[in-house]
């Protein structure tokens, strides 16, 4: 067995520490341990993506890199931990069955659970479209001697996969997205899997909301670099929200306020992982502003429509 004690310590740091240096060291310790076993490294980005009708499934190397997005990893793990505690309340004396759709090579968001719960408390169903990733997870779990947590390895497209009723899945997790819900199949997966959950089941992330904003780029840069200064963004409005209990998918047309100092049209993504665990602007690669256009003084309105196809994206049109 590899250095499982060090991994347990890293997990405790991710759950309970607010110290950035400690968090940085924790995710890099995990990456070093995981990559040494799987031979898949976050710093070896390739273009071995798989292109689906619902969007791009990123390569194992790119998926490995997600671990190093500290706040993304931390907030998701904390949210998942809270969700399992809630499910244990809903389903007392029942083992919680967890489907992880889009595992990548490390099963980043569920591997830490093996330090927090016994195999009598949780069981894992690992799903990925990329067989290389599934094989890497299997190798990792065997090396750590935690493979008894895994009930199934499922090589499938999560956007079309039908749950086996015999699996009795209580919790579904997928983080298959980019900022502004571009390119990857997050929404298609949610649309497919959420309706298959039982009434008291939980889907993570709980909700994703995309808002149109006007930005002052000098102010944004200062806010990002200095940390303490809050950018005064001008809200145009919410253009899309998807989650376990809401799916707002229809074209919207919104008036654009006339603000001389704010001329960059951008989309900002807010993610509620579960409960109070949220990712706000700039906290993660998932929540970086996505810039659409530089507006002139004649723009009075803008319309948005989310397009679900092999390249998910927001189509927009400006009106004068």
C-alpha atoms as a PDB file:
ATOM      1  CA  UNK A   1       0.000   0.000   0.000  1.00  0.00           C
ATOM      2  CA  UNK A   2       1.315   3.458  -0.915  1.00  0.00           C
ATOM      3  CA  UNK A   3       1.532   6.377   1.534  1.00  0.00           C
ATOM      4  CA  UNK A   4      -2.116   6.212   2.538  1.00  0.00           C
ATOM      5  CA  UNK A   5      -1.476   8.062   5.805  1.00  0.00           C
ATOM      6  CA  UNK A   6      -0.196  11.092   3.889  1.00  0.00           C
ATOM      7  CA  UNK A   7      -3.247  10.928   1.644  1.00  0.00           C
ATOM      8  CA  UNK A   8      -5.564  10.813   4.654  1.00  0.00           C
ATOM      9  CA  UNK A   9      -3.825  13.919   5.992  1.00  0.00           C
ATOM     10  CA  UNK A  10      -4.262  15.700   2.640  1.00  0.00           C
ATOM     11  CA  UNK A  11      -7.970  14.881   2.639  1.00  0.00           C
ATOM     12  CA  UNK A  12      -8.388  16.316   6.126  1.00  0.00           C
ATOM     13  CA  UNK A  13      -6.647  19.481   4.929  1.00  0.00           C
ATOM     14  CA  UNK A  14      -9.001  19.839   1.956  1.00  0.00           C
ATOM     15  CA  UNK A  15     -12.028  19.380   4.181  1.00  0.00           C
ATOM     16  CA  UNK A  16     -11.122  21.533   7.133  1.00  0.00           C
ATOM     17  CA  UNK A  17      -8.250  23.941   6.349  1.00  0.00           C
ATOM     18  CA  UNK A  18      -8.539  27.488   4.995  1.00  0.00           C
ATOM     19  CA  UNK A  19      -4.764  27.951   4.665  1.00  0.00           C
ATOM     20  CA  UNK A  20      -3.860  28.302   0.979  1.00  0.00           C
ATOM     21  CA  UNK A  21      -0.308  26.972   1.398  1.00  0.00           C
ATOM     22  CA  UNK A  22      -1.620  23.842   3.121  1.00  0.00           C
ATOM     23  CA  UNK A  23      -4.308  23.377   0.459  1.00  0.00           C
ATOM     24  CA  UNK A  24      -1.753  23.800  -2.341  1.00  0.00           C
ATOM     25  CA  UNK A  25       0.515  21.208  -0.768  1.00  0.00           C
ATOM     26  CA  UNK A  26      -2.413  18.829  -0.236  1.00  0.00           C
ATOM     27  CA  UNK A  27      -3.561  18.736  -3.877  1.00  0.00           C
ATOM     28  CA  UNK A  28       0.013  18.407  -5.119  1.00  0.00           C
ATOM     29  CA  UNK A  29       0.663  15.564  -2.696  1.00  0.00           C
ATOM     30  CA  UNK A  30      -2.419  13.792  -4.042  1.00  0.00           C
ATOM     31  CA  UNK A  31      -1.331  14.428  -7.629  1.00  0.00           C
ATOM     32  CA  UNK A  32       2.144  13.066  -6.951  1.00  0.00           C
ATOM     33  CA  UNK A  33       0.728   9.915  -5.365  1.00  0.00           C
ATOM     34  CA  UNK A  34      -1.935   9.345  -8.017  1.00  0.00           C
ATOM     35  CA  UNK A  35       0.298  10.053 -11.012  1.00  0.00           C
ATOM     36  CA  UNK A  36       3.098   7.827  -9.723  1.00  0.00           C
ATOM     37  CA  UNK A  37       0.682   4.897  -9.856  1.00  0.00           C
ATOM     38  CA  UNK A  38      -1.344   5.689 -12.975  1.00  0.00           C
ATOM     39  CA  UNK A  39       1.496   7.272 -14.994  1.00  0.00           C
ATOM     40  CA  UNK A  40      -0.963   9.957 -16.070  1.00  0.00           C
ATOM     41  CA  UNK A  41       0.298  13.436 -15.261  1.00  0.00           C
ATOM     42  CA  UNK A  42      -1.489  16.772 -15.023  1.00  0.00           C
ATOM     43  CA  UNK A  43       1.421  18.594 -16.685  1.00  0.00           C
ATOM     44  CA  UNK A  44       1.310  16.371 -19.775  1.00  0.00           C
ATOM     45  CA  UNK A  45      -1.620  17.879 -21.665  1.00  0.00           C
ATOM     46  CA  UNK A  46      -2.518  16.031 -24.868  1.00  0.00           C
ATOM     47  CA  UNK A  47      -5.346  16.289 -27.366  1.00  0.00           C
ATOM     48  CA  UNK A  48      -6.751  12.781 -26.824  1.00  0.00           C
ATOM     49  CA  UNK A  49     -10.250  14.129 -26.308  1.00  0.00           C
ATOM     50  CA  UNK A  50     -13.324  12.163 -27.339  1.00  0.00           C
ATOM     51  CA  UNK A  51     -15.923  14.100 -29.295  1.00  0.00           C
ATOM     52  CA  UNK A  52     -19.516  13.100 -28.556  1.00  0.00           C
ATOM     53  CA  UNK A  53     -22.862  14.286 -29.851  1.00  0.00           C
ATOM     54  CA  UNK A  54     -23.312  16.014 -26.473  1.00  0.00           C
ATOM     55  CA  UNK A  55     -19.892  17.679 -26.269  1.00  0.00           C
ATOM     56  CA  UNK A  56     -16.194  17.045 -25.731  1.00  0.00           C
ATOM     57  CA  UNK A  57     -15.014  14.435 -23.213  1.00  0.00           C
ATOM     58  CA  UNK A  58     -11.557  15.660 -22.249  1.00  0.00           C
ATOM     59  CA  UNK A  59      -8.442  13.483 -22.301  1.00  0.00           C
ATOM     60  CA  UNK A  60      -7.216  11.657 -19.168  1.00  0.00           C
ATOM     61  CA  UNK A  61      -4.323  14.132 -18.880  1.00  0.00           C
ATOM     62  CA  UNK A  62      -6.629  17.147 -18.932  1.00  0.00           C
ATOM     63  CA  UNK A  63      -8.935  15.433 -16.448  1.00  0.00           C
ATOM     64  CA  UNK A  64      -5.944  14.824 -14.178  1.00  0.00           C
ATOM     65  CA  UNK A  65      -5.170  18.539 -14.285  1.00  0.00           C
ATOM     66  CA  UNK A  66      -8.564  19.323 -12.707  1.00  0.00           C
ATOM     67  CA  UNK A  67      -7.229  18.012  -9.382  1.00  0.00           C
ATOM     68  CA  UNK A  68      -4.841  20.983  -9.203  1.00  0.00           C
ATOM     69  CA  UNK A  69      -7.694  23.511  -9.409  1.00  0.00           C
ATOM     70  CA  UNK A  70      -7.637  23.902  -5.637  1.00  0.00           C
ATOM     71  CA  UNK A  71     -10.989  25.538  -4.934  1.00  0.00           C
ATOM     72  CA  UNK A  72     -12.821  23.330  -7.418  1.00  0.00           C
ATOM     73  CA  UNK A  73     -11.424  20.191  -5.782  1.00  0.00           C
ATOM     74  CA  UNK A  74     -11.937  21.484  -2.237  1.00  0.00           C
ATOM     75  CA  UNK A  75     -15.484  22.797  -2.676  1.00  0.00           C
ATOM     76  CA  UNK A  76     -16.669  19.694  -4.507  1.00  0.00           C
ATOM     77  CA  UNK A  77     -15.216  17.328  -1.909  1.00  0.00           C
ATOM     78  CA  UNK A  78     -16.741  19.357   0.937  1.00  0.00           C
ATOM     79  CA  UNK A  79     -20.112  19.460  -0.827  1.00  0.00           C
ATOM     80  CA  UNK A  80     -20.061  15.729  -1.529  1.00  0.00           C
ATOM     81  CA  UNK A  81     -19.177  15.013   2.095  1.00  0.00           C
ATOM     82  CA  UNK A  82     -22.148  17.108   3.263  1.00  0.00           C
ATOM     83  CA  UNK A  83     -24.451  15.419   0.734  1.00  0.00           C
ATOM     84  CA  UNK A  84     -23.510  11.949   1.979  1.00  0.00           C
ATOM     85  CA  UNK A  85     -24.247  12.960   5.563  1.00  0.00           C
ATOM     86  CA  UNK A  86     -27.658  14.203   4.395  1.00  0.00           C
ATOM     87  CA  UNK A  87     -28.323  10.948   2.526  1.00  0.00           C
ATOM     88  CA  UNK A  88     -27.398   8.931   5.603  1.00  0.00           C
ATOM     89  CA  UNK A  89     -30.136  10.879   7.382  1.00  0.00           C
ATOM     90  CA  UNK A  90     -32.622  10.163   4.559  1.00  0.00           C
ATOM     91  CA  UNK A  91     -31.612   6.495   4.288  1.00  0.00           C
ATOM     92  CA  UNK A  92     -30.635   5.317   7.794  1.00  0.00           C
ATOM     93  CA  UNK A  93     -28.782   1.999   8.044  1.00  0.00           C
ATOM     94  CA  UNK A  94     -28.386   1.959   4.250  1.00  0.00           C
ATOM     95  CA  UNK A  95     -25.187   1.904   2.239  1.00  0.00           C
ATOM     96  CA  UNK A  96     -25.121   5.009   0.025  1.00  0.00           C
ATOM     97  CA  UNK A  97     -24.546   4.119  -3.637  1.00  0.00           C
ATOM     98  CA  UNK A  98     -22.655   6.800  -5.566  1.00  0.00           C
ATOM     99  CA  UNK A  99     -22.404   7.089  -9.346  1.00  0.00           C
ATOM    100  CA  UNK A 100     -19.452   9.192 -10.470  1.00  0.00           C
ATOM    101  CA  UNK A 101     -19.949  10.146 -14.122  1.00  0.00           C
ATOM    102  CA  UNK A 102     -16.711  11.307 -15.718  1.00  0.00           C
ATOM    103  CA  UNK A 103     -14.144   9.888 -13.310  1.00  0.00           C
ATOM    104  CA  UNK A 104     -10.995  10.905 -15.142  1.00  0.00           C
ATOM    105  CA  UNK A 105      -7.903   8.844 -14.233  1.00  0.00           C
ATOM    106  CA  UNK A 106      -7.946   9.584 -10.486  1.00  0.00           C
ATOM    107  CA  UNK A 107     -11.671   9.622  -9.606  1.00  0.00           C
ATOM    108  CA  UNK A 108     -10.625  12.887  -7.955  1.00  0.00           C
ATOM    109  CA  UNK A 109     -13.909  13.749  -6.266  1.00  0.00           C
ATOM    110  CA  UNK A 110     -14.682  10.350  -4.726  1.00  0.00           C
ATOM    111  CA  UNK A 111     -11.298   8.791  -3.952  1.00  0.00           C
ATOM    112  CA  UNK A 112     -11.032  10.972  -0.793  1.00  0.00           C
ATOM    113  CA  UNK A 113     -14.307   9.483   0.447  1.00  0.00           C
ATOM    114  CA  UNK A 114     -12.525   6.218   1.160  1.00  0.00           C
ATOM    115  CA  UNK A 115     -10.677   8.028   3.964  1.00  0.00           C
ATOM    116  CA  UNK A 116     -13.940   9.307   5.439  1.00  0.00           C
ATOM    117  CA  UNK A 117     -16.413   6.435   5.089  1.00  0.00           C
ATOM    118  CA  UNK A 118     -16.199   2.661   5.250  1.00  0.00           C
ATOM    119  CA  UNK A 119     -17.212   0.345   2.408  1.00  0.00           C
ATOM    120  CA  UNK A 120     -20.255  -0.552   4.507  1.00  0.00           C
ATOM    121  CA  UNK A 121     -21.295   3.113   4.407  1.00  0.00           C
ATOM    122  CA  UNK A 122     -20.673   3.935   0.729  1.00  0.00           C
ATOM    123  CA  UNK A 123     -20.159   2.095  -2.545  1.00  0.00           C
ATOM    124  CA  UNK A 124     -18.872   3.547  -5.797  1.00  0.00           C
ATOM    125  CA  UNK A 125     -19.976   3.143  -9.402  1.00  0.00           C
ATOM    126  CA  UNK A 126     -17.303   4.541 -11.736  1.00  0.00           C
ATOM    127  CA  UNK A 127     -18.435   5.725 -15.176  1.00  0.00           C
ATOM    128  CA  UNK A 128     -16.322   7.219 -17.948  1.00  0.00           C
ATOM    129  CA  UNK A 129     -16.401   7.282 -21.743  1.00  0.00           C
ATOM    130  CA  UNK A 130     -12.611   6.924 -21.827  1.00  0.00           C
ATOM    131  CA  UNK A 131     -11.375   3.414 -21.145  1.00  0.00           C
ATOM    132  CA  UNK A 132      -7.886   4.722 -20.355  1.00  0.00           C
ATOM    133  CA  UNK A 133      -9.325   6.688 -17.435  1.00  0.00           C
ATOM    134  CA  UNK A 134     -11.299   3.731 -16.095  1.00  0.00           C
ATOM    135  CA  UNK A 135      -8.252   1.479 -16.277  1.00  0.00           C
ATOM    136  CA  UNK A 136      -6.216   4.115 -14.431  1.00  0.00           C
ATOM    137  CA  UNK A 137      -8.815   4.350 -11.641  1.00  0.00           C
ATOM    138  CA  UNK A 138      -8.870   0.563 -11.333  1.00  0.00           C
ATOM    139  CA  UNK A 139      -5.074   0.458 -11.077  1.00  0.00           C
ATOM    140  CA  UNK A 140      -5.077   3.250  -8.493  1.00  0.00           C
ATOM    141  CA  UNK A 141      -7.676   1.569  -6.303  1.00  0.00           C
ATOM    142  CA  UNK A 142      -5.933  -1.802  -6.435  1.00  0.00           C
ATOM    143  CA  UNK A 143      -2.623  -0.207  -5.480  1.00  0.00           C
ATOM    144  CA  UNK A 144      -4.225   1.590  -2.539  1.00  0.00           C
ATOM    145  CA  UNK A 145      -6.128  -1.600  -1.635  1.00  0.00           C
ATOM    146  CA  UNK A 146      -9.467   0.214  -1.736  1.00  0.00           C
ATOM    147  CA  UNK A 147     -10.913  -1.521  -4.802  1.00  0.00           C
ATOM    148  CA  UNK A 148     -13.549  -3.184  -2.596  1.00  0.00           C
ATOM    149  CA  UNK A 149     -15.371   0.176  -2.526  1.00  0.00           C
ATOM    150  CA  UNK A 150     -16.093  -0.125  -6.262  1.00  0.00           C
ATOM    151  CA  UNK A 151     -19.196  -2.026  -7.318  1.00  0.00           C
ATOM    152  CA  UNK A 152     -18.882  -1.401 -11.060  1.00  0.00           C
ATOM    153  CA  UNK A 153     -16.668   0.148 -13.687  1.00  0.00           C
ATOM    154  CA  UNK A 154     -18.947   1.408 -16.449  1.00  0.00           C
ATOM    155  CA  UNK A 155     -17.557   2.271 -19.886  1.00  0.00           C
ATOM    156  CA  UNK A 156     -20.348   4.440 -21.277  1.00  0.00           C
ATOM    157  CA  UNK A 157     -21.525   7.869 -22.380  1.00  0.00           C
ATOM    158  CA  UNK A 158     -23.068   9.523 -19.316  1.00  0.00           C
ATOM    159  CA  UNK A 159     -25.332  11.681 -21.489  1.00  0.00           C
ATOM    160  CA  UNK A 160     -27.226   8.580 -22.668  1.00  0.00           C
ATOM    161  CA  UNK A 161     -26.550   6.042 -19.893  1.00  0.00           C
ATOM    162  CA  UNK A 162     -29.553   4.406 -18.235  1.00  0.00           C
ATOM    163  CA  UNK A 163     -29.170   3.527 -14.559  1.00  0.00           C
ATOM    164  CA  UNK A 164     -29.581  -0.115 -13.632  1.00  0.00           C
ATOM    165  CA  UNK A 165     -32.543  -0.187 -11.195  1.00  0.00           C
ATOM    166  CA  UNK A 166     -30.719  -2.900  -9.250  1.00  0.00           C
ATOM    167  CA  UNK A 167     -27.910  -0.457  -8.428  1.00  0.00           C
ATOM    168  CA  UNK A 168     -30.192   1.783  -6.310  1.00  0.00           C
ATOM    169  CA  UNK A 169     -28.126   4.923  -6.892  1.00  0.00           C
ATOM    170  CA  UNK A 170     -28.606   7.608  -4.214  1.00  0.00           C
ATOM    171  CA  UNK A 171     -26.005  10.193  -5.267  1.00  0.00           C
ATOM    172  CA  UNK A 172     -24.798  11.191  -8.738  1.00  0.00           C
ATOM    173  CA  UNK A 173     -21.710  13.340  -9.231  1.00  0.00           C
ATOM    174  CA  UNK A 174     -20.465  14.842 -12.468  1.00  0.00           C
ATOM    175  CA  UNK A 175     -18.071  17.701 -13.102  1.00  0.00           C
ATOM    176  CA  UNK A 176     -17.767  17.719 -16.873  1.00  0.00           C
ATOM    177  CA  UNK A 177     -17.797  21.409 -17.703  1.00  0.00           C
ATOM    178  CA  UNK A 178     -15.912  24.564 -18.547  1.00  0.00           C
ATOM    179  CA  UNK A 179     -16.733  28.150 -17.657  1.00  0.00           C
ATOM    180  CA  UNK A 180     -20.011  29.330 -19.227  1.00  0.00           C
ATOM    181  CA  UNK A 181     -20.973  25.676 -19.785  1.00  0.00           C
ATOM    182  CA  UNK A 182     -18.984  25.573 -23.011  1.00  0.00           C
ATOM    183  CA  UNK A 183     -17.798  22.590 -25.059  1.00  0.00           C
ATOM    184  CA  UNK A 184     -18.252  19.785 -22.507  1.00  0.00           C
ATOM    185  CA  UNK A 185     -21.410  17.671 -21.920  1.00  0.00           C
ATOM    186  CA  UNK A 186     -22.310  18.770 -18.357  1.00  0.00           C
ATOM    187  CA  UNK A 187     -25.852  19.896 -19.224  1.00  0.00           C
ATOM    188  CA  UNK A 188     -26.600  16.872 -21.413  1.00  0.00           C
ATOM    189  CA  UNK A 189     -25.448  14.576 -18.600  1.00  0.00           C
ATOM    190  CA  UNK A 190     -27.590  16.423 -16.065  1.00  0.00           C
ATOM    191  CA  UNK A 191     -30.613  16.282 -18.362  1.00  0.00           C
ATOM    192  CA  UNK A 192     -30.162  12.535 -18.711  1.00  0.00           C
ATOM    193  CA  UNK A 193     -29.301  11.465 -15.164  1.00  0.00           C
ATOM    194  CA  UNK A 194     -31.259  13.811 -12.879  1.00  0.00           C
ATOM    195  CA  UNK A 195     -34.684  12.402 -13.898  1.00  0.00           C
ATOM    196  CA  UNK A 196     -33.408   8.912 -13.037  1.00  0.00           C
ATOM    197  CA  UNK A 197     -32.673   9.783  -9.390  1.00  0.00           C
ATOM    198  CA  UNK A 198     -35.021   8.656  -6.607  1.00  0.00           C
ATOM    199  CA  UNK A 199     -37.088  11.344  -4.864  1.00  0.00           C
ATOM    200  CA  UNK A 200     -34.607  11.751  -2.007  1.00  0.00           C
ATOM    201  CA  UNK A 201     -31.541  11.308  -4.201  1.00  0.00           C
ATOM    202  CA  UNK A 202     -28.988  14.083  -4.660  1.00  0.00           C
ATOM    203  CA  UNK A 203     -27.236  15.369  -7.764  1.00  0.00           C
ATOM    204  CA  UNK A 204     -23.939  17.234  -7.556  1.00  0.00           C
ATOM    205  CA  UNK A 205     -23.520  20.004  -8.543  1.00  0.00           C
ATOM    206  CA  UNK A 206     -26.866  21.060  -7.166  1.00  0.00           C
ATOM    207  CA  UNK A 207     -27.195  24.105  -9.438  1.00  0.00           C
ATOM    208  CA  UNK A 208     -25.273  26.005 -12.118  1.00  0.00           C
ATOM    209  CA  UNK A 209     -26.270  29.540 -13.021  1.00  0.00           C
ATOM    210  CA  UNK A 210     -24.899  31.696 -15.850  1.00  0.00           C
ATOM    211  CA  UNK A 211     -25.321  35.473 -15.750  1.00  0.00           C
ATOM    212  CA  UNK A 212     -24.627  38.100 -18.394  1.00  0.00           C
ATOM    213  CA  UNK A 213     -22.576  41.013 -17.085  1.00  0.00           C
ATOM    214  CA  UNK A 214     -20.917  44.216 -18.205  1.00  0.00           C
ATOM    215  CA  UNK A 215     -17.300  44.434 -17.056  1.00  0.00           C
ATOM    216  CA  UNK A 216     -14.745  47.188 -16.714  1.00  0.00           C
ATOM    217  CA  UNK A 217     -11.605  45.274 -17.668  1.00  0.00           C
ATOM    218  CA  UNK A 218      -9.163  47.550 -15.816  1.00  0.00           C
ATOM    219  CA  UNK A 219     -11.262  47.072 -12.698  1.00  0.00           C
ATOM    220  CA  UNK A 220     -11.451  43.313 -13.283  1.00  0.00           C
ATOM    221  CA  UNK A 221      -7.693  43.024 -13.593  1.00  0.00           C
ATOM    222  CA  UNK A 222      -7.125  44.999 -10.403  1.00  0.00           C
ATOM    223  CA  UNK A 223      -9.701  42.883  -8.596  1.00  0.00           C
ATOM    224  CA  UNK A 224      -8.056  39.663  -9.735  1.00  0.00           C
ATOM    225  CA  UNK A 225      -4.471  40.706  -9.004  1.00  0.00           C
ATOM    226  CA  UNK A 226      -5.048  42.517  -5.719  1.00  0.00           C
ATOM    227  CA  UNK A 227      -7.649  40.167  -4.295  1.00  0.00           C
ATOM    228  CA  UNK A 228      -9.092  42.653  -1.823  1.00  0.00           C
ATOM    229  CA  UNK A 229     -10.675  44.996  -4.346  1.00  0.00           C
ATOM    230  CA  UNK A 230     -14.150  43.960  -5.473  1.00  0.00           C
ATOM    231  CA  UNK A 231     -15.034  44.630  -9.095  1.00  0.00           C
ATOM    232  CA  UNK A 232     -18.255  46.592  -9.603  1.00  0.00           C
ATOM    233  CA  UNK A 233     -19.759  44.469 -12.363  1.00  0.00           C
ATOM    234  CA  UNK A 234     -23.046  45.538 -13.924  1.00  0.00           C
ATOM    235  CA  UNK A 235     -25.601  42.738 -14.062  1.00  0.00           C
ATOM    236  CA  UNK A 236     -27.578  42.402 -17.279  1.00  0.00           C
ATOM    237  CA  UNK A 237     -29.430  39.343 -16.016  1.00  0.00           C
ATOM    238  CA  UNK A 238     -29.579  35.608 -15.563  1.00  0.00           C
ATOM    239  CA  UNK A 239     -29.558  33.794 -18.884  1.00  0.00           C
ATOM    240  CA  UNK A 240     -29.543  30.141 -17.841  1.00  0.00           C
ATOM    241  CA  UNK A 241     -29.903  27.989 -14.740  1.00  0.00           C
ATOM    242  CA  UNK A 242     -29.745  24.209 -14.586  1.00  0.00           C
ATOM    243  CA  UNK A 243     -29.873  21.977 -11.527  1.00  0.00           C
ATOM    244  CA  UNK A 244     -31.635  19.200  -9.718  1.00  0.00           C
ATOM    245  CA  UNK A 245     -34.783  21.263  -9.242  1.00  0.00           C
ATOM    246  CA  UNK A 246     -34.614  23.756 -12.114  1.00  0.00           C
ATOM    247  CA  UNK A 247     -33.890  23.655 -15.827  1.00  0.00           C
ATOM    248  CA  UNK A 248     -34.384  27.041 -17.429  1.00  0.00           C
ATOM    249  CA  UNK A 249     -33.540  26.408 -21.058  1.00  0.00           C
ATOM    250  CA  UNK A 250     -35.216  28.956 -23.290  1.00  0.00           C
ATOM    251  CA  UNK A 251     -34.026  31.986 -25.246  1.00  0.00           C
ATOM    252  CA  UNK A 252     -33.929  35.224 -23.279  1.00  0.00           C
ATOM    253  CA  UNK A 253     -33.691  38.832 -24.441  1.00  0.00           C
ATOM    254  CA  UNK A 254     -32.473  41.394 -21.926  1.00  0.00           C
ATOM    255  CA  UNK A 255     -32.034  45.173 -21.987  1.00  0.00           C
ATOM    256  CA  UNK A 256     -28.423  46.329 -21.772  1.00  0.00           C
ATOM    257  CA  UNK A 257     -27.839  49.207 -19.341  1.00  0.00           C
ATOM    258  CA  UNK A 258     -25.882  52.152 -20.669  1.00  0.00           C
ATOM    259  CA  UNK A 259     -22.746  52.368 -18.522  1.00  0.00           C
ATOM    260  CA  UNK A 260     -19.871  54.333 -20.042  1.00  0.00           C
ATOM    261  CA  UNK A 261     -17.217  52.647 -17.902  1.00  0.00           C
ATOM    262  CA  UNK A 262     -18.368  49.047 -18.526  1.00  0.00           C
ATOM    263  CA  UNK A 263     -18.280  47.893 -22.134  1.00  0.00           C
ATOM    264  CA  UNK A 264     -17.139  44.242 -22.072  1.00  0.00           C
ATOM    265  CA  UNK A 265     -19.993  41.754 -22.368  1.00  0.00           C
ATOM    266  CA  UNK A 266     -19.152  38.585 -20.446  1.00  0.00           C
ATOM    267  CA  UNK A 267     -20.719  35.479 -18.963  1.00  0.00           C
ATOM    268  CA  UNK A 268     -20.076  34.589 -15.322  1.00  0.00           C
ATOM    269  CA  UNK A 269     -20.818  31.169 -13.893  1.00  0.00           C
ATOM    270  CA  UNK A 270     -21.943  30.494 -10.319  1.00  0.00           C
ATOM    271  CA  UNK A 271     -21.864  26.898  -9.101  1.00  0.00           C
ATOM    272  CA  UNK A 272     -23.681  25.577  -6.048  1.00  0.00           C
ATOM    273  CA  UNK A 273     -21.990  22.266  -5.337  1.00  0.00           C
ATOM    274  CA  UNK A 274     -24.245  21.407  -2.416  1.00  0.00           C
ATOM    275  CA  UNK A 275     -25.728  23.493   0.361  1.00  0.00           C
ATOM    276  CA  UNK A 276     -23.389  26.319   1.346  1.00  0.00           C
ATOM    277  CA  UNK A 277     -20.484  25.042  -0.751  1.00  0.00           C
ATOM    278  CA  UNK A 278     -20.299  27.314  -3.788  1.00  0.00           C
ATOM    279  CA  UNK A 279     -17.816  28.489  -6.405  1.00  0.00           C
ATOM    280  CA  UNK A 280     -17.934  32.198  -7.215  1.00  0.00           C
ATOM    281  CA  UNK A 281     -16.136  34.312  -9.823  1.00  0.00           C
ATOM    282  CA  UNK A 282     -12.393  33.647 -10.167  1.00  0.00           C
ATOM    283  CA  UNK A 283     -12.358  30.960  -7.467  1.00  0.00           C
ATOM    284  CA  UNK A 284     -11.846  28.266 -10.102  1.00  0.00           C
ATOM    285  CA  UNK A 285     -11.219  27.820 -13.788  1.00  0.00           C
ATOM    286  CA  UNK A 286     -14.906  26.940 -13.952  1.00  0.00           C
ATOM    287  CA  UNK A 287     -15.928  30.425 -12.832  1.00  0.00           C
ATOM    288  CA  UNK A 288     -13.600  32.677 -14.807  1.00  0.00           C
ATOM    289  CA  UNK A 289     -15.501  35.278 -16.852  1.00  0.00           C
ATOM    290  CA  UNK A 290     -16.018  34.282 -20.473  1.00  0.00           C
ATOM    291  CA  UNK A 291     -15.741  37.379 -22.663  1.00  0.00           C
ATOM    292  CA  UNK A 292     -18.151  37.648 -25.579  1.00  0.00           C
ATOM    293  CA  UNK A 293     -17.909  41.121 -27.113  1.00  0.00           C
ATOM    294  CA  UNK A 294     -16.880  44.731 -26.685  1.00  0.00           C
ATOM    295  CA  UNK A 295     -20.039  46.832 -26.873  1.00  0.00           C
ATOM    296  CA  UNK A 296     -20.478  50.279 -28.337  1.00  0.00           C
ATOM    297  CA  UNK A 297     -22.944  52.968 -27.280  1.00  0.00           C
ATOM    298  CA  UNK A 298     -25.620  51.802 -29.707  1.00  0.00           C
ATOM    299  CA  UNK A 299     -26.287  48.420 -28.045  1.00  0.00           C
ATOM    300  CA  UNK A 300     -29.644  48.407 -26.269  1.00  0.00           C
ATOM    301  CA  UNK A 301     -30.414  44.702 -25.840  1.00  0.00           C
ATOM    302  CA  UNK A 302     -28.907  41.231 -26.151  1.00  0.00           C
ATOM    303  CA  UNK A 303     -30.460  37.799 -26.646  1.00  0.00           C
ATOM    304  CA  UNK A 304     -29.049  34.454 -25.525  1.00  0.00           C
ATOM    305  CA  UNK A 305     -29.863  30.851 -26.313  1.00  0.00           C
ATOM    306  CA  UNK A 306     -28.043  27.787 -24.979  1.00  0.00           C
ATOM    307  CA  UNK A 307     -27.264  25.378 -27.800  1.00  0.00           C
ATOM    308  CA  UNK A 308     -27.008  21.699 -26.854  1.00  0.00           C
ATOM    309  CA  UNK A 309     -25.044  19.899 -29.548  1.00  0.00           C
ATOM    310  CA  UNK A 310     -21.565  18.459 -30.099  1.00  0.00           C
ATOM    311  CA  UNK A 311     -20.154  21.874 -29.162  1.00  0.00           C
ATOM    312  CA  UNK A 312     -22.385  23.260 -26.367  1.00  0.00           C
ATOM    313  CA  UNK A 313     -22.353  27.056 -26.212  1.00  0.00           C
ATOM    314  CA  UNK A 314     -24.402  30.210 -25.830  1.00  0.00           C
ATOM    315  CA  UNK A 315     -25.524  31.829 -29.061  1.00  0.00           C
ATOM    316  CA  UNK A 316     -26.005  35.569 -28.619  1.00  0.00           C
ATOM    317  CA  UNK A 317     -27.218  38.500 -30.697  1.00  0.00           C
ATOM    318  CA  UNK A 318     -26.831  42.221 -30.059  1.00  0.00           C
ATOM    319  CA  UNK A 319     -29.585  44.729 -30.818  1.00  0.00           C
ATOM    320  CA  UNK A 320     -29.344  48.479 -31.391  1.00  0.00           C
END
